[in-house]
Amino acid sequence: MRRTAEGHGTGDVRVPRLVGLMAVDARESARARGLSVHAPGRPDFPHAVVDHVVRQYPQPGTPVPRHSVVHVWLDFDEDEGEGGGGVRVPRAPLPPPGGPRRELEEPGAGAPVVVLSSP
């Protein structure tokens, strides 16, 4: 294999950015560059379609030999609970006590009405 000025072999390819892609698109993007994709702990990965890639190794742009494996992690894994999406609401600390205790009355209910006029 010939070496380039950068020291990388000419058979090297750069790892594409897979984070944010659906599983099916990540596999296709890697395949187009001569790479394969593996998801540790996800034996169903070859059949996964809509799960999104949230992490990858090696990082995007890293030169690797053609036919290398890129490891990806998806947004939902049985070992990780209920998936990774969404905003998590903090459970503690609770809001401080105080604040309004009741709603205010409707304006005009039992209060005199003041009419302003201009000269």
PDB file of N, CA and C in Angstrom:
ATOM      1  N   MET A   1       0.844  -1.169   0.000  1.00  0.00           N
ATOM      2  CA  MET A   1       0.000   0.000   0.000  1.00  0.00           C
ATOM      3  C   MET A   1       0.891   1.234   0.000  1.00  0.00           C
ATOM      4  N   ARG A   2       0.588   2.179  -0.839  1.00  0.00           N
ATOM      5  CA  ARG A   2       1.345   3.432  -0.884  1.00  0.00           C
ATOM      6  C   ARG A   2       0.957   4.311   0.283  1.00  0.00           C
ATOM      7  N   ARG A   3       1.899   5.116   0.719  1.00  0.00           N
ATOM      8  CA  ARG A   3       1.627   6.073   1.787  1.00  0.00           C
ATOM      9  C   ARG A   3       1.532   7.471   1.199  1.00  0.00           C
ATOM     10  N   THR A   4       0.611   8.266   1.719  1.00  0.00           N
ATOM     11  CA  THR A   4       0.477   9.651   1.279  1.00  0.00           C
ATOM     12  C   THR A   4       1.347  10.524   2.149  1.00  0.00           C
ATOM     13  N   ALA A   5       1.404  11.824   1.831  1.00  0.00           N
ATOM     14  CA  ALA A   5       2.203  12.757   2.610  1.00  0.00           C
ATOM     15  C   ALA A   5       1.719  12.835   4.055  1.00  0.00           C
ATOM     16  N   GLU A   6       0.416  12.573   4.274  1.00  0.00           N
ATOM     17  CA  GLU A   6      -0.133  12.624   5.631  1.00  0.00           C
ATOM     18  C   GLU A   6       0.228  11.384   6.425  1.00  0.00           C
ATOM     19  N   GLY A   7       0.784  10.359   5.762  1.00  0.00           N
ATOM     20  CA  GLY A   7       1.144   9.140   6.450  1.00  0.00           C
ATOM     21  C   GLY A   7       0.040   8.103   6.448  1.00  0.00           C
ATOM     22  N   HIS A   8      -1.083   8.412   5.817  1.00  0.00           N
ATOM     23  CA  HIS A   8      -2.182   7.460   5.748  1.00  0.00           C
ATOM     24  C   HIS A   8      -2.070   6.677   4.452  1.00  0.00           C
ATOM     25  N   GLY A   9      -2.414   5.409   4.481  1.00  0.00           N
ATOM     26  CA  GLY A   9      -2.395   4.609   3.270  1.00  0.00           C
ATOM     27  C   GLY A   9      -3.456   5.079   2.304  1.00  0.00           C
ATOM     28  N   THR A  10      -3.209   4.872   1.010  1.00  0.00           N
ATOM     29  CA  THR A  10      -4.179   5.325   0.007  1.00  0.00           C
ATOM     30  C   THR A  10      -5.470   4.521   0.068  1.00  0.00           C
ATOM     31  N   GLY A  11      -5.478   3.370   0.769  1.00  0.00           N
ATOM     32  CA  GLY A  11      -6.690   2.585   0.920  1.00  0.00           C
ATOM     33  C   GLY A  11      -7.538   3.052   2.076  1.00  0.00           C
ATOM     34  N   ASP A  12      -7.070   4.080   2.800  1.00  0.00           N
ATOM     35  CA  ASP A  12      -7.831   4.596   3.937  1.00  0.00           C
ATOM     36  C   ASP A  12      -9.025   5.403   3.459  1.00  0.00           C
ATOM     37  N   VAL A  13     -10.082   5.384   4.263  1.00  0.00           N
ATOM     38  CA  VAL A  13     -11.265   6.216   4.035  1.00  0.00           C
ATOM     39  C   VAL A  13     -11.542   6.985   5.315  1.00  0.00           C
ATOM     40  N   ARG A  14     -12.229   8.079   5.190  1.00  0.00           N
ATOM     41  CA  ARG A  14     -12.599   8.866   6.379  1.00  0.00           C
ATOM     42  C   ARG A  14     -13.960   8.389   6.881  1.00  0.00           C
ATOM     43  N   VAL A  15     -14.066   8.267   8.193  1.00  0.00           N
ATOM     44  CA  VAL A  15     -15.322   7.820   8.813  1.00  0.00           C
ATOM     45  C   VAL A  15     -16.372   8.916   8.646  1.00  0.00           C
ATOM     46  N   PRO A  16     -17.547   8.583   8.115  1.00  0.00           N
ATOM     47  CA  PRO A  16     -18.604   9.594   7.980  1.00  0.00           C
ATOM     48  C   PRO A  16     -19.247   9.896   9.328  1.00  0.00           C
ATOM     49  N   ARG A  17     -19.898  11.040   9.398  1.00  0.00           N
ATOM     50  CA  ARG A  17     -20.659  11.390  10.607  1.00  0.00           C
ATOM     51  C   ARG A  17     -21.969  10.610  10.573  1.00  0.00           C
ATOM     52  N   LEU A  18     -22.142   9.719  11.546  1.00  0.00           N
ATOM     53  CA  LEU A  18     -23.339   8.889  11.616  1.00  0.00           C
ATOM     54  C   LEU A  18     -24.293   9.347  12.712  1.00  0.00           C
ATOM     55  N   VAL A  19     -23.803  10.142  13.664  1.00  0.00           N
ATOM     56  CA  VAL A  19     -24.640  10.614  14.765  1.00  0.00           C
ATOM     57  C   VAL A  19     -25.788  11.449  14.205  1.00  0.00           C
ATOM     58  N   GLY A  20     -26.994  11.129  14.647  1.00  0.00           N
ATOM     59  CA  GLY A  20     -28.183  11.842  14.202  1.00  0.00           C
ATOM     60  C   GLY A  20     -28.918  11.118  13.083  1.00  0.00           C
ATOM     61  N   LEU A  21     -28.250  10.163  12.437  1.00  0.00           N
ATOM     62  CA  LEU A  21     -28.897   9.419  11.362  1.00  0.00           C
ATOM     63  C   LEU A  21     -29.729   8.272  11.927  1.00  0.00           C
ATOM     64  N   MET A  22     -30.755   7.878  11.183  1.00  0.00           N
ATOM     65  CA  MET A  22     -31.488   6.672  11.544  1.00  0.00           C
ATOM     66  C   MET A  22     -30.587   5.480  11.245  1.00  0.00           C
ATOM     67  N   ALA A  23     -30.839   4.371  11.907  1.00  0.00           N
ATOM     68  CA  ALA A  23     -30.001   3.179  11.762  1.00  0.00           C
ATOM     69  C   ALA A  23     -29.857   2.764  10.307  1.00  0.00           C
ATOM     70  N   VAL A  24     -30.931   2.755   9.570  1.00  0.00           N
ATOM     71  CA  VAL A  24     -30.887   2.334   8.169  1.00  0.00           C
ATOM     72  C   VAL A  24     -30.002   3.268   7.353  1.00  0.00           C
ATOM     73  N   ASP A  25     -30.064   4.573   7.608  1.00  0.00           N
ATOM     74  CA  ASP A  25     -29.241   5.534   6.885  1.00  0.00           C
ATOM     75  C   ASP A  25     -27.777   5.444   7.294  1.00  0.00           C
ATOM     76  N   ALA A  26     -27.522   5.162   8.570  1.00  0.00           N
ATOM     77  CA  ALA A  26     -26.144   5.006   9.039  1.00  0.00           C
ATOM     78  C   ALA A  26     -25.485   3.818   8.360  1.00  0.00           C
ATOM     79  N   ARG A  27     -26.197   2.713   8.263  1.00  0.00           N
ATOM     80  CA  ARG A  27     -25.636   1.534   7.588  1.00  0.00           C
ATOM     81  C   ARG A  27     -25.331   1.842   6.137  1.00  0.00           C
ATOM     82  N   GLU A  28     -26.231   2.526   5.447  1.00  0.00           N
ATOM     83  CA  GLU A  28     -26.039   2.848   4.035  1.00  0.00           C
ATOM     84  C   GLU A  28     -24.880   3.825   3.833  1.00  0.00           C
ATOM     85  N   SER A  29     -24.784   4.832   4.693  1.00  0.00           N
ATOM     86  CA  SER A  29     -23.703   5.812   4.584  1.00  0.00           C
ATOM     87  C   SER A  29     -22.339   5.155   4.784  1.00  0.00           C
ATOM     88  N   ALA A  30     -22.247   4.270   5.762  1.00  0.00           N
ATOM     89  CA  ALA A  30     -20.982   3.567   6.007  1.00  0.00           C
ATOM     90  C   ALA A  30     -20.672   2.618   4.853  1.00  0.00           C
ATOM     91  N   ARG A  31     -21.661   1.894   4.371  1.00  0.00           N
ATOM     92  CA  ARG A  31     -21.455   0.950   3.273  1.00  0.00           C
ATOM     93  C   ARG A  31     -20.953   1.658   2.022  1.00  0.00           C
ATOM     94  N   ALA A  32     -21.466   2.872   1.770  1.00  0.00           N
ATOM     95  CA  ALA A  32     -21.057   3.634   0.590  1.00  0.00           C
ATOM     96  C   ALA A  32     -19.567   3.980   0.639  1.00  0.00           C
ATOM     97  N   ARG A  33     -18.979   4.014   1.823  1.00  0.00           N
ATOM     98  CA  ARG A  33     -17.542   4.301   1.967  1.00  0.00           C
ATOM     99  C   ARG A  33     -16.716   3.043   2.176  1.00  0.00           C
ATOM    100  N   GLY A  34     -17.338   1.893   2.079  1.00  0.00           N
ATOM    101  CA  GLY A  34     -16.613   0.649   2.242  1.00  0.00           C
ATOM    102  C   GLY A  34     -16.422   0.237   3.692  1.00  0.00           C
ATOM    103  N   LEU A  35     -17.270   0.758   4.582  1.00  0.00           N
ATOM    104  CA  LEU A  35     -17.187   0.438   6.008  1.00  0.00           C
ATOM    105  C   LEU A  35     -18.415  -0.366   6.424  1.00  0.00           C
ATOM    106  N   SER A  36     -18.315  -1.032   7.551  1.00  0.00           N
ATOM    107  CA  SER A  36     -19.488  -1.699   8.104  1.00  0.00           C
ATOM    108  C   SER A  36     -19.772  -1.101   9.475  1.00  0.00           C
ATOM    109  N   VAL A  37     -20.984  -1.313   9.947  1.00  0.00           N
ATOM    110  CA  VAL A  37     -21.438  -0.716  11.209  1.00  0.00           C
ATOM    111  C   VAL A  37     -21.850  -1.825  12.154  1.00  0.00           C
ATOM    112  N   HIS A  38     -21.478  -1.662  13.421  1.00  0.00           N
ATOM    113  CA  HIS A  38     -21.841  -2.621  14.461  1.00  0.00           C
ATOM    114  C   HIS A  38     -22.374  -1.846  15.661  1.00  0.00           C
ATOM    115  N   ALA A  39     -23.451  -2.345  16.264  1.00  0.00           N
ATOM    116  CA  ALA A  39     -24.022  -1.724  17.464  1.00  0.00           C
ATOM    117  C   ALA A  39     -23.859  -2.704  18.617  1.00  0.00           C
ATOM    118  N   PRO A  40     -22.893  -2.465  19.524  1.00  0.00           N
ATOM    119  CA  PRO A  40     -22.691  -3.373  20.658  1.00  0.00           C
ATOM    120  C   PRO A  40     -23.970  -3.509  21.483  1.00  0.00           C
ATOM    121  N   GLY A  41     -24.298  -4.722  21.839  1.00  0.00           N
ATOM    122  CA  GLY A  41     -25.473  -4.964  22.676  1.00  0.00           C
ATOM    123  C   GLY A  41     -26.784  -4.928  21.931  1.00  0.00           C
ATOM    124  N   ARG A  42     -26.761  -4.762  20.630  1.00  0.00           N
ATOM    125  CA  ARG A  42     -27.996  -4.715  19.840  1.00  0.00           C
ATOM    126  C   ARG A  42     -27.957  -5.769  18.742  1.00  0.00           C
ATOM    127  N   PRO A  43     -28.260  -7.022  19.078  1.00  0.00           N
ATOM    128  CA  PRO A  43     -28.237  -8.064  18.056  1.00  0.00           C
ATOM    129  C   PRO A  43     -29.253  -7.817  16.938  1.00  0.00           C
ATOM    130  N   ASP A  44     -30.261  -6.973  17.201  1.00  0.00           N
ATOM    131  CA  ASP A  44     -31.263  -6.671  16.182  1.00  0.00           C
ATOM    132  C   ASP A  44     -30.855  -5.513  15.278  1.00  0.00           C
ATOM    133  N   PHE A  45     -29.640  -4.987  15.433  1.00  0.00           N
ATOM    134  CA  PHE A  45     -29.214  -3.817  14.667  1.00  0.00           C
ATOM    135  C   PHE A  45     -29.344  -3.992  13.154  1.00  0.00           C
ATOM    136  N   PRO A  46     -29.012  -5.149  12.586  1.00  0.00           N
ATOM    137  CA  PRO A  46     -29.175  -5.276  11.129  1.00  0.00           C
ATOM    138  C   PRO A  46     -30.610  -5.055  10.657  1.00  0.00           C
ATOM    139  N   HIS A  47     -31.583  -5.175  11.554  1.00  0.00           N
ATOM    140  CA  HIS A  47     -32.991  -4.990  11.194  1.00  0.00           C
ATOM    141  C   HIS A  47     -33.559  -3.677  11.728  1.00  0.00           C
ATOM    142  N   ALA A  48     -32.782  -2.941  12.534  1.00  0.00           N
ATOM    143  CA  ALA A  48     -33.257  -1.669  13.087  1.00  0.00           C
ATOM    144  C   ALA A  48     -33.391  -0.655  11.960  1.00  0.00           C
ATOM    145  N   VAL A  49     -34.439   0.150  12.020  1.00  0.00           N
ATOM    146  CA  VAL A  49     -34.685   1.121  10.961  1.00  0.00           C
ATOM    147  C   VAL A  49     -34.716   2.538  11.508  1.00  0.00           C
ATOM    148  N   VAL A  50     -35.597   2.814  12.455  1.00  0.00           N
ATOM    149  CA  VAL A  50     -35.835   4.197  12.873  1.00  0.00           C
ATOM    150  C   VAL A  50     -35.078   4.623  14.122  1.00  0.00           C
ATOM    151  N   ASP A  51     -34.374   3.720  14.797  1.00  0.00           N
ATOM    152  CA  ASP A  51     -33.566   4.139  15.946  1.00  0.00           C
ATOM    153  C   ASP A  51     -32.482   5.083  15.451  1.00  0.00           C
ATOM    154  N   HIS A  52     -32.189   6.121  16.224  1.00  0.00           N
ATOM    155  CA  HIS A  52     -31.186   7.106  15.823  1.00  0.00           C
ATOM    156  C   HIS A  52     -29.854   6.848  16.497  1.00  0.00           C
ATOM    157  N   VAL A  53     -28.783   7.106  15.762  1.00  0.00           N
ATOM    158  CA  VAL A  53     -27.424   6.966  16.282  1.00  0.00           C
ATOM    159  C   VAL A  53     -27.145   8.167  17.179  1.00  0.00           C
ATOM    160  N   VAL A  54     -26.694   7.899  18.434  1.00  0.00           N
ATOM    161  CA  VAL A  54     -26.394   8.977  19.375  1.00  0.00           C
ATOM    162  C   VAL A  54     -24.906   9.076  19.692  1.00  0.00           C
ATOM    163  N   ARG A  55     -24.126   8.055  19.305  1.00  0.00           N
ATOM    164  CA  ARG A  55     -22.692   8.075  19.553  1.00  0.00           C
ATOM    165  C   ARG A  55     -22.032   7.130  18.561  1.00  0.00           C
ATOM    166  N   GLN A  56     -20.784   7.418  18.211  1.00  0.00           N
ATOM    167  CA  GLN A  56     -20.067   6.551  17.295  1.00  0.00           C
ATOM    168  C   GLN A  56     -18.587   6.516  17.634  1.00  0.00           C
ATOM    169  N   TYR A  57     -17.930   5.419  17.243  1.00  0.00           N
ATOM    170  CA  TYR A  57     -16.485   5.290  17.377  1.00  0.00           C
ATOM    171  C   TYR A  57     -15.987   4.461  16.209  1.00  0.00           C
ATOM    172  N   PRO A  58     -14.987   4.930  15.499  1.00  0.00           N
ATOM    173  CA  PRO A  58     -14.202   6.148  15.628  1.00  0.00           C
ATOM    174  C   PRO A  58     -15.013   7.394  15.272  1.00  0.00           C
ATOM    175  N   GLN A  59     -14.472   8.523  15.673  1.00  0.00           N
ATOM    176  CA  GLN A  59     -15.122   9.808  15.455  1.00  0.00           C
ATOM    177  C   GLN A  59     -15.168  10.143  13.967  1.00  0.00           C
ATOM    178  N   PRO A  60     -16.125  10.997  13.548  1.00  0.00           N
ATOM    179  CA  PRO A  60     -16.203  11.403  12.143  1.00  0.00           C
ATOM    180  C   PRO A  60     -14.894  12.042  11.682  1.00  0.00           C
ATOM    181  N   GLY A  61     -14.506  11.730  10.455  1.00  0.00           N
ATOM    182  CA  GLY A  61     -13.301  12.308   9.870  1.00  0.00           C
ATOM    183  C   GLY A  61     -12.033  11.512  10.136  1.00  0.00           C
ATOM    184  N   THR A  62     -12.099  10.508  11.012  1.00  0.00           N
ATOM    185  CA  THR A  62     -10.932   9.694  11.321  1.00  0.00           C
ATOM    186  C   THR A  62     -10.600   8.806  10.120  1.00  0.00           C
ATOM    187  N   PRO A  63      -9.332   8.807   9.657  1.00  0.00           N
ATOM    188  CA  PRO A  63      -8.983   7.906   8.562  1.00  0.00           C
ATOM    189  C   PRO A  63      -8.822   6.471   9.080  1.00  0.00           C
ATOM    190  N   VAL A  64      -9.486   5.536   8.429  1.00  0.00           N
ATOM    191  CA  VAL A  64      -9.418   4.114   8.800  1.00  0.00           C
ATOM    192  C   VAL A  64      -9.265   3.295   7.526  1.00  0.00           C
ATOM    193  N   PRO A  65      -8.720   2.076   7.622  1.00  0.00           N
ATOM    194  CA  PRO A  65      -8.635   1.224   6.432  1.00  0.00           C
ATOM    195  C   PRO A  65     -10.030   0.849   5.930  1.00  0.00           C
ATOM    196  N   ARG A  66     -10.150   0.751   4.617  1.00  0.00           N
ATOM    197  CA  ARG A  66     -11.406   0.308   4.023  1.00  0.00           C
ATOM    198  C   ARG A  66     -11.788  -1.045   4.635  1.00  0.00           C
ATOM    199  N   HIS A  67     -13.054  -1.315   4.792  1.00  0.00           N
ATOM    200  CA  HIS A  67     -13.621  -2.535   5.381  1.00  0.00           C
ATOM    201  C   HIS A  67     -13.506  -2.553   6.907  1.00  0.00           C
ATOM    202  N   SER A  68     -13.205  -1.406   7.532  1.00  0.00           N
ATOM    203  CA  SER A  68     -13.184  -1.324   8.996  1.00  0.00           C
ATOM    204  C   SER A  68     -14.606  -1.295   9.528  1.00  0.00           C
ATOM    205  N   VAL A  69     -14.720  -1.493  10.838  1.00  0.00           N
ATOM    206  CA  VAL A  69     -16.023  -1.471  11.506  1.00  0.00           C
ATOM    207  C   VAL A  69     -16.150  -0.177  12.298  1.00  0.00           C
ATOM    208  N   VAL A  70     -17.288   0.482  12.160  1.00  0.00           N
ATOM    209  CA  VAL A  70     -17.623   1.661  12.958  1.00  0.00           C
ATOM    210  C   VAL A  70     -18.657   1.216  13.983  1.00  0.00           C
ATOM    211  N   HIS A  71     -18.378   1.471  15.245  1.00  0.00           N
ATOM    212  CA  HIS A  71     -19.309   1.093  16.321  1.00  0.00           C
ATOM    213  C   HIS A  71     -20.242   2.270  16.585  1.00  0.00           C
ATOM    214  N   VAL A  72     -21.530   1.973  16.687  1.00  0.00           N
ATOM    215  CA  VAL A  72     -22.527   3.009  16.953  1.00  0.00           C
ATOM    216  C   VAL A  72     -23.401   2.601  18.132  1.00  0.00           C
ATOM    217  N   TRP A  73     -23.936   3.592  18.822  1.00  0.00           N
ATOM    218  CA  TRP A  73     -24.881   3.378  19.916  1.00  0.00           C
ATOM    219  C   TRP A  73     -26.156   4.102  19.540  1.00  0.00           C
ATOM    220  N   LEU A  74     -27.280   3.463  19.807  1.00  0.00           N
ATOM    221  CA  LEU A  74     -28.572   4.000  19.406  1.00  0.00           C
ATOM    222  C   LEU A  74     -29.296   4.626  20.590  1.00  0.00           C
ATOM    223  N   ASP A  75     -30.356   5.376  20.293  1.00  0.00           N
ATOM    224  CA  ASP A  75     -31.080   6.114  21.327  1.00  0.00           C
ATOM    225  C   ASP A  75     -31.867   5.230  22.267  1.00  0.00           C
ATOM    226  N   PHE A  76     -32.095   3.975  21.953  1.00  0.00           N
ATOM    227  CA  PHE A  76     -32.836   3.115  22.854  1.00  0.00           C
ATOM    228  C   PHE A  76     -32.125   1.790  22.971  1.00  0.00           C
ATOM    229  N   ASP A  77     -31.863   1.413  24.210  1.00  0.00           N
ATOM    230  CA  ASP A  77     -31.233   0.133  24.485  1.00  0.00           C
ATOM    231  C   ASP A  77     -31.915  -0.426  25.713  1.00  0.00           C
ATOM    232  N   GLU A  78     -32.230  -1.693  25.709  1.00  0.00           N
ATOM    233  CA  GLU A  78     -32.960  -2.281  26.827  1.00  0.00           C
ATOM    234  C   GLU A  78     -32.241  -2.063  28.156  1.00  0.00           C
ATOM    235  N   ASP A  79     -30.907  -1.991  28.138  1.00  0.00           N
ATOM    236  CA  ASP A  79     -30.148  -1.791  29.369  1.00  0.00           C
ATOM    237  C   ASP A  79     -30.172  -0.347  29.839  1.00  0.00           C
ATOM    238  N   GLU A  80     -30.635   0.584  29.004  1.00  0.00           N
ATOM    239  CA  GLU A  80     -30.590   1.996  29.344  1.00  0.00           C
ATOM    240  C   GLU A  80     -31.933   2.557  29.766  1.00  0.00           C
ATOM    241  N   GLY A  81     -32.923   1.753  29.963  1.00  0.00           N
ATOM    242  CA  GLY A  81     -34.207   2.253  30.440  1.00  0.00           C
ATOM    243  C   GLY A  81     -35.120   2.638  29.306  1.00  0.00           C
ATOM    244  N   GLU A  82     -35.666   3.839  29.350  1.00  0.00           N
ATOM    245  CA  GLU A  82     -36.704   4.224  28.412  1.00  0.00           C
ATOM    246  C   GLU A  82     -36.210   5.090  27.274  1.00  0.00           C
ATOM    247  N   GLY A  83     -35.016   4.921  26.816  1.00  0.00           N
ATOM    248  CA  GLY A  83     -34.555   5.676  25.658  1.00  0.00           C
ATOM    249  C   GLY A  83     -33.941   6.999  26.045  1.00  0.00           C
ATOM    250  N   GLY A  84     -33.433   7.706  25.025  1.00  0.00           N
ATOM    251  CA  GLY A  84     -32.663   8.890  25.305  1.00  0.00           C
ATOM    252  C   GLY A  84     -33.324  10.194  24.930  1.00  0.00           C
ATOM    253  N   GLY A  85     -34.458  10.186  24.259  1.00  0.00           N
ATOM    254  CA  GLY A  85     -35.016  11.431  23.774  1.00  0.00           C
ATOM    255  C   GLY A  85     -35.803  12.192  24.815  1.00  0.00           C
ATOM    256  N   GLY A  86     -35.994  13.457  24.540  1.00  0.00           N
ATOM    257  CA  GLY A  86     -36.873  14.263  25.365  1.00  0.00           C
ATOM    258  C   GLY A  86     -36.183  14.993  26.489  1.00  0.00           C
ATOM    259  N   VAL A  87     -36.955  15.828  27.150  1.00  0.00           N
ATOM    260  CA  VAL A  87     -36.472  16.619  28.266  1.00  0.00           C
ATOM    261  C   VAL A  87     -36.862  15.914  29.551  1.00  0.00           C
ATOM    262  N   ARG A  88     -35.933  15.812  30.436  1.00  0.00           N
ATOM    263  CA  ARG A  88     -36.226  15.150  31.705  1.00  0.00           C
ATOM    264  C   ARG A  88     -36.570  16.212  32.753  1.00  0.00           C
ATOM    265  N   VAL A  89     -37.684  16.013  33.450  1.00  0.00           N
ATOM    266  CA  VAL A  89     -38.143  16.958  34.456  1.00  0.00           C
ATOM    267  C   VAL A  89     -37.498  16.598  35.783  1.00  0.00           C
ATOM    268  N   PRO A  90     -36.830  17.563  36.417  1.00  0.00           N
ATOM    269  CA  PRO A  90     -36.217  17.253  37.709  1.00  0.00           C
ATOM    270  C   PRO A  90     -37.275  16.960  38.766  1.00  0.00           C
ATOM    271  N   ARG A  91     -37.015  16.011  39.610  1.00  0.00           N
ATOM    272  CA  ARG A  91     -37.967  15.629  40.655  1.00  0.00           C
ATOM    273  C   ARG A  91     -37.693  16.380  41.956  1.00  0.00           C
ATOM    274  N   ALA A  92     -36.490  16.836  42.172  1.00  0.00           N
ATOM    275  CA  ALA A  92     -36.148  17.565  43.385  1.00  0.00           C
ATOM    276  C   ALA A  92     -35.132  18.618  43.025  1.00  0.00           C
ATOM    277  N   PRO A  93     -34.998  19.668  43.681  1.00  0.00           N
ATOM    278  CA  PRO A  93     -35.765  20.086  44.840  1.00  0.00           C
ATOM    279  C   PRO A  93     -37.140  20.609  44.434  1.00  0.00           C
ATOM    280  N   LEU A  94     -38.040  20.580  45.379  1.00  0.00           N
ATOM    281  CA  LEU A  94     -39.382  21.084  45.141  1.00  0.00           C
ATOM    282  C   LEU A  94     -39.367  22.609  45.152  1.00  0.00           C
ATOM    283  N   PRO A  95     -40.364  23.249  44.517  1.00  0.00           N
ATOM    284  CA  PRO A  95     -40.433  24.711  44.560  1.00  0.00           C
ATOM    285  C   PRO A  95     -40.608  25.192  45.997  1.00  0.00           C
ATOM    286  N   PRO A  96     -40.103  26.386  46.310  1.00  0.00           N
ATOM    287  CA  PRO A  96     -40.245  26.898  47.678  1.00  0.00           C
ATOM    288  C   PRO A  96     -41.709  27.151  48.016  1.00  0.00           C
ATOM    289  N   PRO A  97     -42.049  27.045  49.286  1.00  0.00           N
ATOM    290  CA  PRO A  97     -43.437  27.316  49.672  1.00  0.00           C
ATOM    291  C   PRO A  97     -43.752  28.797  49.499  1.00  0.00           C
ATOM    292  N   GLY A  98     -45.014  29.101  49.387  1.00  0.00           N
ATOM    293  CA  GLY A  98     -45.427  30.493  49.232  1.00  0.00           C
ATOM    294  C   GLY A  98     -46.163  30.657  47.926  1.00  0.00           C
ATOM    295  N   GLY A  99     -46.308  31.903  47.514  1.00  0.00           N
ATOM    296  CA  GLY A  99     -46.994  32.170  46.266  1.00  0.00           C
ATOM    297  C   GLY A  99     -48.472  32.396  46.510  1.00  0.00           C
ATOM    298  N   PRO A 100     -49.229  32.648  45.452  1.00  0.00           N
ATOM    299  CA  PRO A 100     -50.656  32.918  45.617  1.00  0.00           C
ATOM    300  C   PRO A 100     -51.381  31.711  46.197  1.00  0.00           C
ATOM    301  N   ARG A 101     -52.264  31.982  47.119  1.00  0.00           N
ATOM    302  CA  ARG A 101     -53.026  30.915  47.767  1.00  0.00           C
ATOM    303  C   ARG A 101     -54.385  30.720  47.109  1.00  0.00           C
ATOM    304  N   ARG A 102     -54.871  31.746  46.415  1.00  0.00           N
ATOM    305  CA  ARG A 102     -56.162  31.637  45.763  1.00  0.00           C
ATOM    306  C   ARG A 102     -56.175  32.529  44.538  1.00  0.00           C
ATOM    307  N   GLU A 103     -57.160  32.306  43.706  1.00  0.00           N
ATOM    308  CA  GLU A 103     -57.304  33.150  42.532  1.00  0.00           C
ATOM    309  C   GLU A 103     -57.897  34.487  42.930  1.00  0.00           C
ATOM    310  N   LEU A 104     -57.546  35.516  42.189  1.00  0.00           N
ATOM    311  CA  LEU A 104     -58.140  36.835  42.427  1.00  0.00           C
ATOM    312  C   LEU A 104     -59.554  36.851  41.872  1.00  0.00           C
ATOM    313  N   GLU A 105     -60.377  37.717  42.452  1.00  0.00           N
ATOM    314  CA  GLU A 105     -61.744  37.835  41.960  1.00  0.00           C
ATOM    315  C   GLU A 105     -61.748  38.478  40.585  1.00  0.00           C
ATOM    316  N   GLU A 106     -62.817  38.224  39.834  1.00  0.00           N
ATOM    317  CA  GLU A 106     -62.983  38.832  38.522  1.00  0.00           C
ATOM    318  C   GLU A 106     -63.037  40.340  38.678  1.00  0.00           C
ATOM    319  N   PRO A 107     -62.422  41.079  37.790  1.00  0.00           N
ATOM    320  CA  PRO A 107     -62.532  42.543  37.866  1.00  0.00           C
ATOM    321  C   PRO A 107     -63.996  42.962  37.742  1.00  0.00           C
ATOM    322  N   GLY A 108     -64.384  43.864  38.610  1.00  0.00           N
ATOM    323  CA  GLY A 108     -65.756  44.358  38.565  1.00  0.00           C
ATOM    324  C   GLY A 108     -66.714  43.572  39.431  1.00  0.00           C
ATOM    325  N   ALA A 109     -66.326  42.459  39.964  1.00  0.00           N
ATOM    326  CA  ALA A 109     -67.217  41.679  40.810  1.00  0.00           C
ATOM    327  C   ALA A 109     -67.178  42.265  42.211  1.00  0.00           C
ATOM    328  N   GLY A 110     -68.124  43.132  42.517  1.00  0.00           N
ATOM    329  CA  GLY A 110     -68.214  43.727  43.841  1.00  0.00           C
ATOM    330  C   GLY A 110     -67.345  44.957  44.004  1.00  0.00           C
ATOM    331  N   ALA A 111     -66.583  45.325  42.994  1.00  0.00           N
ATOM    332  CA  ALA A 111     -65.723  46.516  43.089  1.00  0.00           C
ATOM    333  C   ALA A 111     -66.353  47.644  42.270  1.00  0.00           C
ATOM    334  N   PRO A 112     -66.190  48.899  42.746  1.00  0.00           N
ATOM    335  CA  PRO A 112     -66.756  50.008  41.986  1.00  0.00           C
ATOM    336  C   PRO A 112     -66.049  50.140  40.622  1.00  0.00           C
ATOM    337  N   VAL A 113     -66.810  50.505  39.623  1.00  0.00           N
ATOM    338  CA  VAL A 113     -66.273  50.672  38.281  1.00  0.00           C
ATOM    339  C   VAL A 113     -65.878  52.127  38.127  1.00  0.00           C
ATOM    340  N   VAL A 114     -64.670  52.377  37.690  1.00  0.00           N
ATOM    341  CA  VAL A 114     -64.167  53.733  37.465  1.00  0.00           C
ATOM    342  C   VAL A 114     -64.075  53.938  35.975  1.00  0.00           C
ATOM    343  N   VAL A 115     -64.701  54.994  35.484  1.00  0.00           N
ATOM    344  CA  VAL A 115     -64.675  55.303  34.070  1.00  0.00           C
ATOM    345  C   VAL A 115     -63.834  56.533  33.890  1.00  0.00           C
ATOM    346  N   LEU A 116     -62.862  56.447  33.051  1.00  0.00           N
ATOM    347  CA  LEU A 116     -62.009  57.589  32.751  1.00  0.00           C
ATOM    348  C   LEU A 116     -62.460  58.198  31.437  1.00  0.00           C
ATOM    349  N   SER A 117     -62.496  59.513  31.435  1.00  0.00           N
ATOM    350  CA  SER A 117     -62.849  60.192  30.184  1.00  0.00           C
ATOM    351  C   SER A 117     -61.853  61.293  29.924  1.00  0.00           C
ATOM    352  N   SER A 118     -61.714  61.634  28.662  1.00  0.00           N
ATOM    353  CA  SER A 118     -60.776  62.700  28.313  1.00  0.00           C
ATOM    354  C   SER A 118     -61.568  63.947  27.951  1.00  0.00           C
ATOM    355  N   PRO A 119     -61.011  65.153  28.230  1.00  0.00           N
ATOM    356  CA  PRO A 119     -61.782  66.402  27.955  1.00  0.00           C
ATOM    357  C   PRO A 119     -61.908  66.710  26.497  1.00  0.00           C
TER     358      PRO A 119
END
